[in-house]
Amino acid sequence: MGNDLTRRLTDFDADVSPNNPANVEAARQRGLSYDFVKGAYVDDEGCLIRDEFGQEF
């Protein structure tokens, strides 16, 4: 079904770097970016949301 509400988000792949296209896409879908200084995924305010492997804190 084409409903956006039921569309599954791309999973983070802990076996590859945050620069990997799959992880970039997973972060984009969640409104996150990877902060290389902090070593974690952050929201648009710079708050730590996920670790370097994409796991929630």
PDB file of N, CA and C in Angstrom:
ATOM      1  N   MET A   1       0.822  -1.136   0.000  1.00  0.00           N
ATOM      2  CA  MET A   1       0.000   0.000   0.000  1.00  0.00           C
ATOM      3  C   MET A   1       0.895   1.237   0.000  1.00  0.00           C
ATOM      4  N   GLY A   2       0.491   2.257  -0.704  1.00  0.00           N
ATOM      5  CA  GLY A   2       1.305   3.435  -0.891  1.00  0.00           C
ATOM      6  C   GLY A   2       1.173   4.482   0.188  1.00  0.00           C
ATOM      7  N   ASN A   3       0.516   4.184   1.269  1.00  0.00           N
ATOM      8  CA  ASN A   3       0.316   5.156   2.337  1.00  0.00           C
ATOM      9  C   ASN A   3       1.641   5.485   3.016  1.00  0.00           C
ATOM     10  N   ASP A   4       1.975   6.775   3.073  1.00  0.00           N
ATOM     11  CA  ASP A   4       3.240   7.198   3.695  1.00  0.00           C
ATOM     12  C   ASP A   4       3.298   6.846   5.172  1.00  0.00           C
ATOM     13  N   LEU A   5       2.141   6.792   5.850  1.00  0.00           N
ATOM     14  CA  LEU A   5       2.125   6.493   7.274  1.00  0.00           C
ATOM     15  C   LEU A   5       2.538   5.059   7.565  1.00  0.00           C
ATOM     16  N   THR A   6       2.386   4.185   6.606  1.00  0.00           N
ATOM     17  CA  THR A   6       2.745   2.779   6.815  1.00  0.00           C
ATOM     18  C   THR A   6       4.107   2.442   6.223  1.00  0.00           C
ATOM     19  N   ARG A   7       4.747   3.427   5.571  1.00  0.00           N
ATOM     20  CA  ARG A   7       6.059   3.176   4.961  1.00  0.00           C
ATOM     21  C   ARG A   7       7.097   2.948   6.051  1.00  0.00           C
ATOM     22  N   ARG A   8       7.883   1.923   5.896  1.00  0.00           N
ATOM     23  CA  ARG A   8       8.918   1.584   6.869  1.00  0.00           C
ATOM     24  C   ARG A   8      10.149   2.450   6.646  1.00  0.00           C
ATOM     25  N   LEU A   9      10.736   2.908   7.740  1.00  0.00           N
ATOM     26  CA  LEU A   9      11.960   3.697   7.668  1.00  0.00           C
ATOM     27  C   LEU A   9      13.152   2.787   7.386  1.00  0.00           C
ATOM     28  N   THR A  10      14.137   3.324   6.705  1.00  0.00           N
ATOM     29  CA  THR A  10      15.377   2.608   6.456  1.00  0.00           C
ATOM     30  C   THR A  10      16.096   2.389   7.780  1.00  0.00           C
ATOM     31  N   ASP A  11      16.570   1.176   8.010  1.00  0.00           N
ATOM     32  CA  ASP A  11      17.315   0.862   9.229  1.00  0.00           C
ATOM     33  C   ASP A  11      18.749   1.376   9.118  1.00  0.00           C
ATOM     34  N   PHE A  12      19.312   1.765  10.265  1.00  0.00           N
ATOM     35  CA  PHE A  12      20.738   2.086  10.310  1.00  0.00           C
ATOM     36  C   PHE A  12      21.518   0.783  10.202  1.00  0.00           C
ATOM     37  N   ASP A  13      22.682   0.825   9.533  1.00  0.00           N
ATOM     38  CA  ASP A  13      23.553  -0.339   9.408  1.00  0.00           C
ATOM     39  C   ASP A  13      24.799  -0.081  10.250  1.00  0.00           C
ATOM     40  N   ALA A  14      24.879  -0.749  11.389  1.00  0.00           N
ATOM     41  CA  ALA A  14      25.991  -0.538  12.327  1.00  0.00           C
ATOM     42  C   ALA A  14      27.318  -1.066  11.794  1.00  0.00           C
ATOM     43  N   ASP A  15      27.291  -1.835  10.711  1.00  0.00           N
ATOM     44  CA  ASP A  15      28.514  -2.419  10.166  1.00  0.00           C
ATOM     45  C   ASP A  15      29.252  -1.495   9.202  1.00  0.00           C
ATOM     46  N   VAL A  16      28.653  -0.361   8.883  1.00  0.00           N
ATOM     47  CA  VAL A  16      29.295   0.578   7.958  1.00  0.00           C
ATOM     48  C   VAL A  16      29.338   1.967   8.584  1.00  0.00           C
ATOM     49  N   SER A  17      30.091   2.859   7.976  1.00  0.00           N
ATOM     50  CA  SER A  17      30.278   4.199   8.543  1.00  0.00           C
ATOM     51  C   SER A  17      29.020   5.055   8.385  1.00  0.00           C
ATOM     52  N   PRO A  18      28.949   6.123   9.144  1.00  0.00           N
ATOM     53  CA  PRO A  18      27.829   7.058   9.009  1.00  0.00           C
ATOM     54  C   PRO A  18      27.772   7.718   7.628  1.00  0.00           C
ATOM     55  N   ASN A  19      28.893   7.684   6.885  1.00  0.00           N
ATOM     56  CA  ASN A  19      28.915   8.241   5.529  1.00  0.00           C
ATOM     57  C   ASN A  19      28.285   7.316   4.500  1.00  0.00           C
ATOM     58  N   ASN A  20      28.037   6.067   4.871  1.00  0.00           N
ATOM     59  CA  ASN A  20      27.445   5.116   3.948  1.00  0.00           C
ATOM     60  C   ASN A  20      26.064   5.624   3.517  1.00  0.00           C
ATOM     61  N   PRO A  21      25.733   5.514   2.233  1.00  0.00           N
ATOM     62  CA  PRO A  21      24.440   6.024   1.753  1.00  0.00           C
ATOM     63  C   PRO A  21      23.222   5.486   2.515  1.00  0.00           C
ATOM     64  N   ALA A  22      23.266   4.252   2.961  1.00  0.00           N
ATOM     65  CA  ALA A  22      22.130   3.696   3.707  1.00  0.00           C
ATOM     66  C   ALA A  22      21.953   4.432   5.036  1.00  0.00           C
ATOM     67  N   ASN A  23      23.055   4.724   5.722  1.00  0.00           N
ATOM     68  CA  ASN A  23      22.971   5.433   6.998  1.00  0.00           C
ATOM     69  C   ASN A  23      22.618   6.905   6.805  1.00  0.00           C
ATOM     70  N   VAL A  24      23.102   7.492   5.739  1.00  0.00           N
ATOM     71  CA  VAL A  24      22.740   8.876   5.430  1.00  0.00           C
ATOM     72  C   VAL A  24      21.233   8.966   5.192  1.00  0.00           C
ATOM     73  N   GLU A  25      20.695   8.013   4.456  1.00  0.00           N
ATOM     74  CA  GLU A  25      19.258   7.990   4.178  1.00  0.00           C
ATOM     75  C   GLU A  25      18.455   7.723   5.445  1.00  0.00           C
ATOM     76  N   ALA A  26      18.892   6.790   6.275  1.00  0.00           N
ATOM     77  CA  ALA A  26      18.191   6.490   7.532  1.00  0.00           C
ATOM     78  C   ALA A  26      18.137   7.736   8.413  1.00  0.00           C
ATOM     79  N   ALA A  27      19.242   8.453   8.483  1.00  0.00           N
ATOM     80  CA  ALA A  27      19.284   9.678   9.282  1.00  0.00           C
ATOM     81  C   ALA A  27      18.371  10.748   8.678  1.00  0.00           C
ATOM     82  N   ARG A  28      18.430  10.911   7.369  1.00  0.00           N
ATOM     83  CA  ARG A  28      17.597  11.916   6.695  1.00  0.00           C
ATOM     84  C   ARG A  28      16.118  11.667   6.962  1.00  0.00           C
ATOM     85  N   GLN A  29      15.698  10.417   6.876  1.00  0.00           N
ATOM     86  CA  GLN A  29      14.299  10.080   7.101  1.00  0.00           C
ATOM     87  C   GLN A  29      13.841  10.452   8.506  1.00  0.00           C
ATOM     88  N   ARG A  30      14.750  10.496   9.439  1.00  0.00           N
ATOM     89  CA  ARG A  30      14.429  10.809  10.839  1.00  0.00           C
ATOM     90  C   ARG A  30      14.735  12.264  11.200  1.00  0.00           C
ATOM     91  N   GLY A  31      15.201  13.036  10.225  1.00  0.00           N
ATOM     92  CA  GLY A  31      15.529  14.431  10.484  1.00  0.00           C
ATOM     93  C   GLY A  31      16.801  14.599  11.292  1.00  0.00           C
ATOM     94  N   LEU A  32      17.731  13.652  11.161  1.00  0.00           N
ATOM     95  CA  LEU A  32      18.983  13.673  11.908  1.00  0.00           C
ATOM     96  C   LEU A  32      20.162  13.873  10.966  1.00  0.00           C
ATOM     97  N   SER A  33      21.289  14.228  11.545  1.00  0.00           N
ATOM     98  CA  SER A  33      22.548  14.264  10.805  1.00  0.00           C
ATOM     99  C   SER A  33      23.627  13.718  11.728  1.00  0.00           C
ATOM    100  N   TYR A  34      24.732  13.286  11.116  1.00  0.00           N
ATOM    101  CA  TYR A  34      25.821  12.749  11.924  1.00  0.00           C
ATOM    102  C   TYR A  34      26.800  13.869  12.230  1.00  0.00           C
ATOM    103  N   ASP A  35      27.112  14.028  13.505  1.00  0.00           N
ATOM    104  CA  ASP A  35      28.077  15.025  13.956  1.00  0.00           C
ATOM    105  C   ASP A  35      29.386  14.299  14.259  1.00  0.00           C
ATOM    106  N   PHE A  36      30.385  14.494  13.396  1.00  0.00           N
ATOM    107  CA  PHE A  36      31.651  13.773  13.550  1.00  0.00           C
ATOM    108  C   PHE A  36      32.434  14.231  14.776  1.00  0.00           C
ATOM    109  N   VAL A  37      32.229  15.456  15.221  1.00  0.00           N
ATOM    110  CA  VAL A  37      32.904  15.937  16.426  1.00  0.00           C
ATOM    111  C   VAL A  37      32.326  15.239  17.656  1.00  0.00           C
ATOM    112  N   LYS A  38      31.013  15.152  17.718  1.00  0.00           N
ATOM    113  CA  LYS A  38      30.348  14.506  18.851  1.00  0.00           C
ATOM    114  C   LYS A  38      30.346  12.987  18.731  1.00  0.00           C
ATOM    115  N   GLY A  39      30.527  12.482  17.512  1.00  0.00           N
ATOM    116  CA  GLY A  39      30.530  11.038  17.291  1.00  0.00           C
ATOM    117  C   GLY A  39      29.167  10.408  17.471  1.00  0.00           C
ATOM    118  N   ALA A  40      28.121  11.153  17.063  1.00  0.00           N
ATOM    119  CA  ALA A  40      26.762  10.665  17.241  1.00  0.00           C
ATOM    120  C   ALA A  40      25.823  11.376  16.266  1.00  0.00           C
ATOM    121  N   TYR A  41      24.633  10.819  16.122  1.00  0.00           N
ATOM    122  CA  TYR A  41      23.591  11.450  15.323  1.00  0.00           C
ATOM    123  C   TYR A  41      22.895  12.491  16.187  1.00  0.00           C
ATOM    124  N   VAL A  42      22.641  13.662  15.604  1.00  0.00           N
ATOM    125  CA  VAL A  42      22.028  14.764  16.330  1.00  0.00           C
ATOM    126  C   VAL A  42      20.799  15.267  15.573  1.00  0.00           C
ATOM    127  N   ASP A  43      19.918  15.944  16.327  1.00  0.00           N
ATOM    128  CA  ASP A  43      18.771  16.578  15.690  1.00  0.00           C
ATOM    129  C   ASP A  43      19.175  17.965  15.210  1.00  0.00           C
ATOM    130  N   ASP A  44      18.210  18.739  14.715  1.00  0.00           N
ATOM    131  CA  ASP A  44      18.540  20.042  14.147  1.00  0.00           C
ATOM    132  C   ASP A  44      18.999  21.062  15.191  1.00  0.00           C
ATOM    133  N   GLU A  45      18.815  20.753  16.468  1.00  0.00           N
ATOM    134  CA  GLU A  45      19.295  21.633  17.538  1.00  0.00           C
ATOM    135  C   GLU A  45      20.629  21.174  18.107  1.00  0.00           C
ATOM    136  N   GLY A  46      21.179  20.076  17.560  1.00  0.00           N
ATOM    137  CA  GLY A  46      22.474  19.571  18.007  1.00  0.00           C
ATOM    138  C   GLY A  46      22.402  18.626  19.192  1.00  0.00           C
ATOM    139  N   CYS A  47      21.182  18.224  19.573  1.00  0.00           N
ATOM    140  CA  CYS A  47      21.026  17.292  20.699  1.00  0.00           C
ATOM    141  C   CYS A  47      21.354  15.873  20.263  1.00  0.00           C
ATOM    142  N   LEU A  48      22.078  15.153  21.105  1.00  0.00           N
ATOM    143  CA  LEU A  48      22.420  13.770  20.809  1.00  0.00           C
ATOM    144  C   LEU A  48      21.160  12.907  20.813  1.00  0.00           C
ATOM    145  N   ILE A  49      20.957  12.166  19.733  1.00  0.00           N
ATOM    146  CA  ILE A  49      19.763  11.333  19.596  1.00  0.00           C
ATOM    147  C   ILE A  49      20.131   9.856  19.489  1.00  0.00           C
ATOM    148  N   ARG A  50      21.157   9.561  18.694  1.00  0.00           N
ATOM    149  CA  ARG A  50      21.583   8.179  18.483  1.00  0.00           C
ATOM    150  C   ARG A  50      23.097   8.112  18.509  1.00  0.00           C
ATOM    151  N   ASP A  51      23.623   6.958  18.918  1.00  0.00           N
ATOM    152  CA  ASP A  51      25.075   6.799  18.947  1.00  0.00           C
ATOM    153  C   ASP A  51      25.617   6.595  17.544  1.00  0.00           C
ATOM    154  N   GLU A  52      26.917   6.369  17.443  1.00  0.00           N
ATOM    155  CA  GLU A  52      27.558   6.236  16.128  1.00  0.00           C
ATOM    156  C   GLU A  52      27.061   5.051  15.316  1.00  0.00           C
ATOM    157  N   PHE A  53      26.405   4.102  15.968  1.00  0.00           N
ATOM    158  CA  PHE A  53      25.882   2.917  15.295  1.00  0.00           C
ATOM    159  C   PHE A  53      24.400   3.047  14.954  1.00  0.00           C
ATOM    160  N   GLY A  54      23.795   4.187  15.308  1.00  0.00           N
ATOM    161  CA  GLY A  54      22.394   4.411  15.035  1.00  0.00           C
ATOM    162  C   GLY A  54      21.453   3.937  16.118  1.00  0.00           C
ATOM    163  N   GLN A  55      22.017   3.533  17.267  1.00  0.00           N
ATOM    164  CA  GLN A  55      21.207   3.070  18.378  1.00  0.00           C
ATOM    165  C   GLN A  55      20.783   4.251  19.248  1.00  0.00           C
ATOM    166  N   GLU A  56      19.522   4.259  19.680  1.00  0.00           N
ATOM    167  CA  GLU A  56      19.041   5.345  20.539  1.00  0.00           C
ATOM    168  C   GLU A  56      19.782   5.328  21.877  1.00  0.00           C
ATOM    169  N   PHE A  57      20.000   6.529  22.397  1.00  0.00           N
ATOM    170  CA  PHE A  57      20.624   6.642  23.720  1.00  0.00           C
ATOM    171  C   PHE A  57      19.639   6.252  24.790  1.00  0.00           C
TER     172      PHE A  57
END
